N, C-alpha and C. Protein backbone atom coordinates (compact mmCIF):
# COMPACT_ATOMS: atom_id res chain seq x y z
N MET A 1 58.68 141.42 144.02
CA MET A 1 58.89 140.02 143.69
C MET A 1 60.04 139.43 144.53
N ILE A 2 61.13 140.16 144.66
CA ILE A 2 62.27 139.69 145.45
C ILE A 2 61.86 139.53 146.91
N LYS A 3 61.07 140.48 147.42
CA LYS A 3 60.62 140.39 148.81
C LYS A 3 59.75 139.15 149.01
N PHE A 4 58.88 138.86 148.05
CA PHE A 4 58.03 137.67 148.13
C PHE A 4 58.89 136.41 148.17
N LEU A 5 59.92 136.34 147.32
CA LEU A 5 60.79 135.17 147.30
C LEU A 5 61.56 135.02 148.61
N LYS A 6 62.04 136.13 149.15
CA LYS A 6 62.77 136.07 150.42
C LYS A 6 61.85 135.67 151.56
N THR A 7 60.66 136.22 151.58
CA THR A 7 59.72 135.94 152.65
C THR A 7 59.23 134.50 152.61
N ASN A 8 59.08 133.94 151.43
CA ASN A 8 58.50 132.61 151.27
C ASN A 8 59.50 131.59 150.75
N PHE A 9 60.78 131.80 151.02
CA PHE A 9 61.81 130.91 150.50
C PHE A 9 61.62 129.46 150.95
N GLU A 10 61.32 129.25 152.21
CA GLU A 10 61.19 127.88 152.72
C GLU A 10 60.03 127.15 152.04
N LEU A 11 58.91 127.84 151.89
CA LEU A 11 57.74 127.24 151.23
C LEU A 11 58.08 126.87 149.79
N ILE A 12 58.70 127.79 149.07
CA ILE A 12 59.08 127.54 147.68
C ILE A 12 60.07 126.39 147.59
N PHE A 13 61.03 126.36 148.51
CA PHE A 13 62.05 125.31 148.53
C PHE A 13 61.42 123.93 148.70
N TRP A 14 60.55 123.77 149.70
CA TRP A 14 59.95 122.46 149.96
C TRP A 14 59.06 122.00 148.81
N ILE A 15 58.29 122.91 148.24
CA ILE A 15 57.43 122.55 147.11
C ILE A 15 58.29 122.14 145.92
N ALA A 16 59.33 122.91 145.63
CA ALA A 16 60.23 122.58 144.51
C ALA A 16 60.93 121.24 144.74
N ALA A 17 61.34 120.99 145.98
CA ALA A 17 62.02 119.72 146.30
C ALA A 17 61.09 118.53 146.07
N LEU A 18 59.83 118.65 146.51
CA LEU A 18 58.88 117.55 146.31
C LEU A 18 58.54 117.36 144.84
N ILE A 19 58.45 118.46 144.10
CA ILE A 19 58.20 118.34 142.66
C ILE A 19 59.38 117.64 141.99
N ALA A 20 60.61 118.04 142.36
CA ALA A 20 61.80 117.40 141.78
C ALA A 20 61.84 115.92 142.10
N LEU A 21 61.51 115.54 143.33
CA LEU A 21 61.49 114.12 143.69
C LEU A 21 60.35 113.38 143.00
N GLY A 22 59.25 114.09 142.75
CA GLY A 22 58.11 113.47 142.09
C GLY A 22 58.34 113.19 140.62
N VAL A 23 59.12 114.02 139.96
CA VAL A 23 59.35 113.83 138.52
C VAL A 23 60.62 113.04 138.24
N SER A 24 61.44 112.82 139.28
CA SER A 24 62.66 112.04 139.07
C SER A 24 62.35 110.55 139.02
N ASN A 25 63.26 109.81 138.46
CA ASN A 25 63.12 108.36 138.38
C ASN A 25 63.89 107.74 139.53
N PRO A 26 63.20 107.23 140.56
CA PRO A 26 63.91 106.67 141.70
C PRO A 26 64.66 105.37 141.39
N ALA A 27 64.31 104.72 140.28
CA ALA A 27 64.98 103.47 139.91
C ALA A 27 66.32 103.72 139.24
N ALA A 28 66.55 104.95 138.78
CA ALA A 28 67.82 105.27 138.14
C ALA A 28 68.93 105.28 139.19
N GLY A 29 70.10 104.93 138.78
CA GLY A 29 71.24 104.93 139.69
C GLY A 29 71.57 106.35 140.13
N PRO A 30 72.26 106.46 141.24
CA PRO A 30 72.61 107.79 141.74
C PRO A 30 73.56 108.51 140.79
N GLN A 31 73.21 109.72 140.42
CA GLN A 31 74.04 110.52 139.52
C GLN A 31 75.05 111.34 140.31
N TYR A 32 74.61 111.87 141.41
CA TYR A 32 75.45 112.71 142.26
C TYR A 32 74.93 112.59 143.68
N SER A 33 75.70 113.07 144.61
CA SER A 33 75.28 113.01 146.00
C SER A 33 75.66 114.30 146.70
N LEU A 34 74.75 114.80 147.50
CA LEU A 34 75.03 115.98 148.32
C LEU A 34 75.49 115.58 149.71
N CYS A 35 75.69 114.30 149.93
CA CYS A 35 76.03 113.78 151.25
C CYS A 35 77.49 114.10 151.60
N PRO A 36 77.70 114.81 152.72
CA PRO A 36 79.09 115.10 153.11
C PRO A 36 79.85 113.85 153.55
N PHE A 37 79.14 112.84 154.07
CA PHE A 37 79.80 111.60 154.47
C PHE A 37 80.37 110.87 153.25
N LYS A 38 79.57 110.79 152.17
CA LYS A 38 80.06 110.15 150.95
C LYS A 38 81.24 110.92 150.37
N ALA A 39 81.20 112.24 150.47
CA ALA A 39 82.30 113.06 149.97
C ALA A 39 83.59 112.79 150.74
N MET A 40 83.46 112.42 152.02
CA MET A 40 84.64 112.11 152.84
C MET A 40 85.04 110.65 152.74
N GLY A 41 84.30 109.84 151.98
CA GLY A 41 84.64 108.44 151.79
C GLY A 41 84.01 107.50 152.81
N ILE A 42 83.12 108.03 153.67
CA ILE A 42 82.44 107.19 154.65
C ILE A 42 81.26 106.51 153.95
N THR A 43 81.17 105.20 154.08
CA THR A 43 80.15 104.47 153.31
C THR A 43 78.78 104.46 153.97
N TRP A 44 78.71 104.64 155.30
CA TRP A 44 77.42 104.58 155.97
C TRP A 44 76.97 105.99 156.33
N CYS A 45 75.73 106.30 156.06
CA CYS A 45 75.16 107.61 156.40
C CYS A 45 73.72 107.38 156.85
N PRO A 46 73.31 107.98 157.97
CA PRO A 46 71.95 107.77 158.45
C PRO A 46 70.88 108.42 157.56
N GLY A 47 71.26 109.37 156.73
CA GLY A 47 70.27 110.06 155.92
C GLY A 47 70.20 109.62 154.47
N CYS A 48 71.23 108.91 154.01
CA CYS A 48 71.25 108.50 152.61
C CYS A 48 70.07 107.56 152.32
N GLY A 49 69.37 107.84 151.26
CA GLY A 49 68.22 107.03 150.87
C GLY A 49 66.88 107.69 151.15
N ILE A 50 66.87 108.76 151.95
CA ILE A 50 65.59 109.41 152.24
C ILE A 50 64.99 110.04 150.98
N GLY A 51 65.84 110.63 150.15
CA GLY A 51 65.34 111.20 148.89
C GLY A 51 64.73 110.14 148.00
N HIS A 52 65.41 109.00 147.87
CA HIS A 52 64.86 107.90 147.09
C HIS A 52 63.56 107.39 147.72
N ALA A 53 63.53 107.30 149.05
CA ALA A 53 62.32 106.82 149.72
C ALA A 53 61.13 107.74 149.45
N ILE A 54 61.35 109.04 149.52
CA ILE A 54 60.27 110.00 149.25
C ILE A 54 59.85 109.91 147.79
N SER A 55 60.82 109.78 146.89
CA SER A 55 60.50 109.65 145.47
C SER A 55 59.67 108.40 145.20
N TRP A 56 60.07 107.27 145.81
CA TRP A 56 59.28 106.04 145.65
C TRP A 56 57.86 106.24 146.18
N LEU A 57 57.73 106.93 147.32
CA LEU A 57 56.40 107.20 147.87
C LEU A 57 55.56 108.02 146.90
N LEU A 58 56.16 109.05 146.33
CA LEU A 58 55.43 109.91 145.40
C LEU A 58 55.06 109.16 144.12
N HIS A 59 55.77 108.09 143.83
CA HIS A 59 55.42 107.24 142.69
C HIS A 59 54.49 106.10 143.08
N GLY A 60 54.12 106.04 144.37
CA GLY A 60 53.13 105.06 144.83
C GLY A 60 53.67 103.71 145.23
N ASN A 61 54.98 103.57 145.39
CA ASN A 61 55.55 102.27 145.74
C ASN A 61 56.06 102.31 147.19
N ILE A 62 55.22 101.89 148.11
CA ILE A 62 55.54 101.96 149.54
C ILE A 62 56.61 100.93 149.90
N ALA A 63 56.58 99.76 149.31
CA ALA A 63 57.57 98.72 149.64
C ALA A 63 58.98 99.17 149.27
N LYS A 64 59.16 99.71 148.07
CA LYS A 64 60.47 100.20 147.64
C LYS A 64 60.90 101.38 148.50
N SER A 65 59.94 102.21 148.89
CA SER A 65 60.25 103.34 149.75
C SER A 65 60.81 102.86 151.08
N TRP A 66 60.19 101.86 151.65
CA TRP A 66 60.63 101.31 152.94
C TRP A 66 62.03 100.70 152.80
N GLN A 67 62.31 100.06 151.65
CA GLN A 67 63.62 99.48 151.42
C GLN A 67 64.70 100.55 151.29
N ALA A 68 64.33 101.68 150.69
CA ALA A 68 65.30 102.77 150.51
C ALA A 68 65.66 103.41 151.85
N HIS A 69 64.65 103.71 152.65
CA HIS A 69 64.88 104.28 153.99
C HIS A 69 63.57 104.28 154.74
N TRP A 70 63.60 103.78 155.96
CA TRP A 70 62.37 103.67 156.74
C TRP A 70 61.85 105.02 157.22
N LEU A 71 62.64 106.07 157.16
CA LEU A 71 62.16 107.40 157.57
C LEU A 71 61.52 108.18 156.41
N GLY A 72 61.37 107.56 155.26
CA GLY A 72 60.78 108.25 154.11
C GLY A 72 59.34 108.69 154.37
N VAL A 73 58.54 107.81 154.96
CA VAL A 73 57.13 108.14 155.24
C VAL A 73 57.02 109.27 156.26
N PRO A 74 57.70 109.18 157.42
CA PRO A 74 57.61 110.29 158.36
C PRO A 74 58.17 111.60 157.78
N ALA A 75 59.24 111.50 157.00
CA ALA A 75 59.83 112.70 156.41
C ALA A 75 58.83 113.39 155.47
N LEU A 76 58.16 112.60 154.65
CA LEU A 76 57.17 113.17 153.72
C LEU A 76 56.01 113.80 154.49
N LEU A 77 55.57 113.15 155.55
CA LEU A 77 54.49 113.71 156.37
C LEU A 77 54.92 115.03 157.03
N ILE A 78 56.12 115.07 157.55
CA ILE A 78 56.61 116.30 158.19
C ILE A 78 56.76 117.41 157.18
N ILE A 79 57.33 117.11 156.02
CA ILE A 79 57.48 118.14 154.98
C ILE A 79 56.11 118.61 154.50
N GLY A 80 55.18 117.67 154.33
CA GLY A 80 53.82 118.05 153.92
C GLY A 80 53.16 118.95 154.94
N TYR A 81 53.33 118.63 156.22
CA TYR A 81 52.76 119.48 157.27
C TYR A 81 53.40 120.87 157.27
N ARG A 82 54.71 120.91 157.05
CA ARG A 82 55.40 122.20 157.02
C ARG A 82 54.92 123.04 155.85
N ILE A 83 54.70 122.43 154.71
CA ILE A 83 54.16 123.14 153.55
C ILE A 83 52.77 123.68 153.88
N TYR A 84 51.96 122.87 154.56
CA TYR A 84 50.62 123.31 154.96
C TYR A 84 50.69 124.53 155.88
N VAL A 85 51.56 124.48 156.89
CA VAL A 85 51.68 125.59 157.85
C VAL A 85 52.16 126.85 157.14
N LEU A 86 53.18 126.73 156.30
CA LEU A 86 53.70 127.90 155.60
C LEU A 86 52.69 128.45 154.59
N GLY A 87 51.98 127.54 153.90
CA GLY A 87 50.96 127.98 152.94
C GLY A 87 49.80 128.66 153.63
N ARG A 88 49.40 128.12 154.77
CA ARG A 88 48.32 128.74 155.53
C ARG A 88 48.72 130.14 155.99
N SER A 89 49.97 130.28 156.44
CA SER A 89 50.42 131.60 156.90
C SER A 89 50.47 132.59 155.73
N LEU A 90 50.76 132.10 154.55
CA LEU A 90 50.80 132.96 153.38
C LEU A 90 49.41 133.45 152.99
N PHE A 91 48.44 132.53 153.00
CA PHE A 91 47.10 132.88 152.53
C PHE A 91 46.17 133.41 153.61
N VAL A 92 46.38 133.00 154.85
CA VAL A 92 45.50 133.42 155.92
C VAL A 92 46.12 134.56 156.72
N GLY A 93 47.44 134.67 156.66
CA GLY A 93 48.12 135.75 157.36
C GLY A 93 48.54 135.41 158.76
N LYS A 94 48.50 134.13 159.12
CA LYS A 94 48.94 133.70 160.45
C LYS A 94 50.47 133.63 160.46
N GLN A 95 51.05 133.78 161.63
CA GLN A 95 52.49 133.66 161.78
C GLN A 95 52.89 132.19 161.67
N ALA A 96 53.83 131.87 160.78
CA ALA A 96 54.21 130.48 160.53
C ALA A 96 54.91 129.86 161.73
N TYR A 97 55.52 130.66 162.56
CA TYR A 97 56.27 130.13 163.69
C TYR A 97 55.54 130.28 164.99
N ASN A 98 54.25 130.56 164.96
CA ASN A 98 53.45 130.71 166.15
C ASN A 98 52.95 129.32 166.57
N PHE A 99 53.53 128.77 167.63
CA PHE A 99 53.18 127.42 168.07
C PHE A 99 52.17 127.42 169.21
N GLU A 100 51.29 128.37 169.24
CA GLU A 100 50.28 128.45 170.32
C GLU A 100 49.19 127.43 170.12
């Protein structure tokens, strides 16, 4: 079981992250922030809002997602593709990092 978790950590992480964003309420105010810029007192950050944007997308509100951060759509597509590649490697046995 531990070997499975270590081998598939990235896949489990991305799926758990999307589930967490899907069940969270994007309209709620920020409770905490993992942003190192905010921790240092810097008010502008290029990445802040992507989590809210993805959450709005998962709730079906594209306009609010775009307002939160314009990279929300591409980020969700990239994460979805990465989940697909890692899942395929798990079930089909292909190397996840084989870019041939």
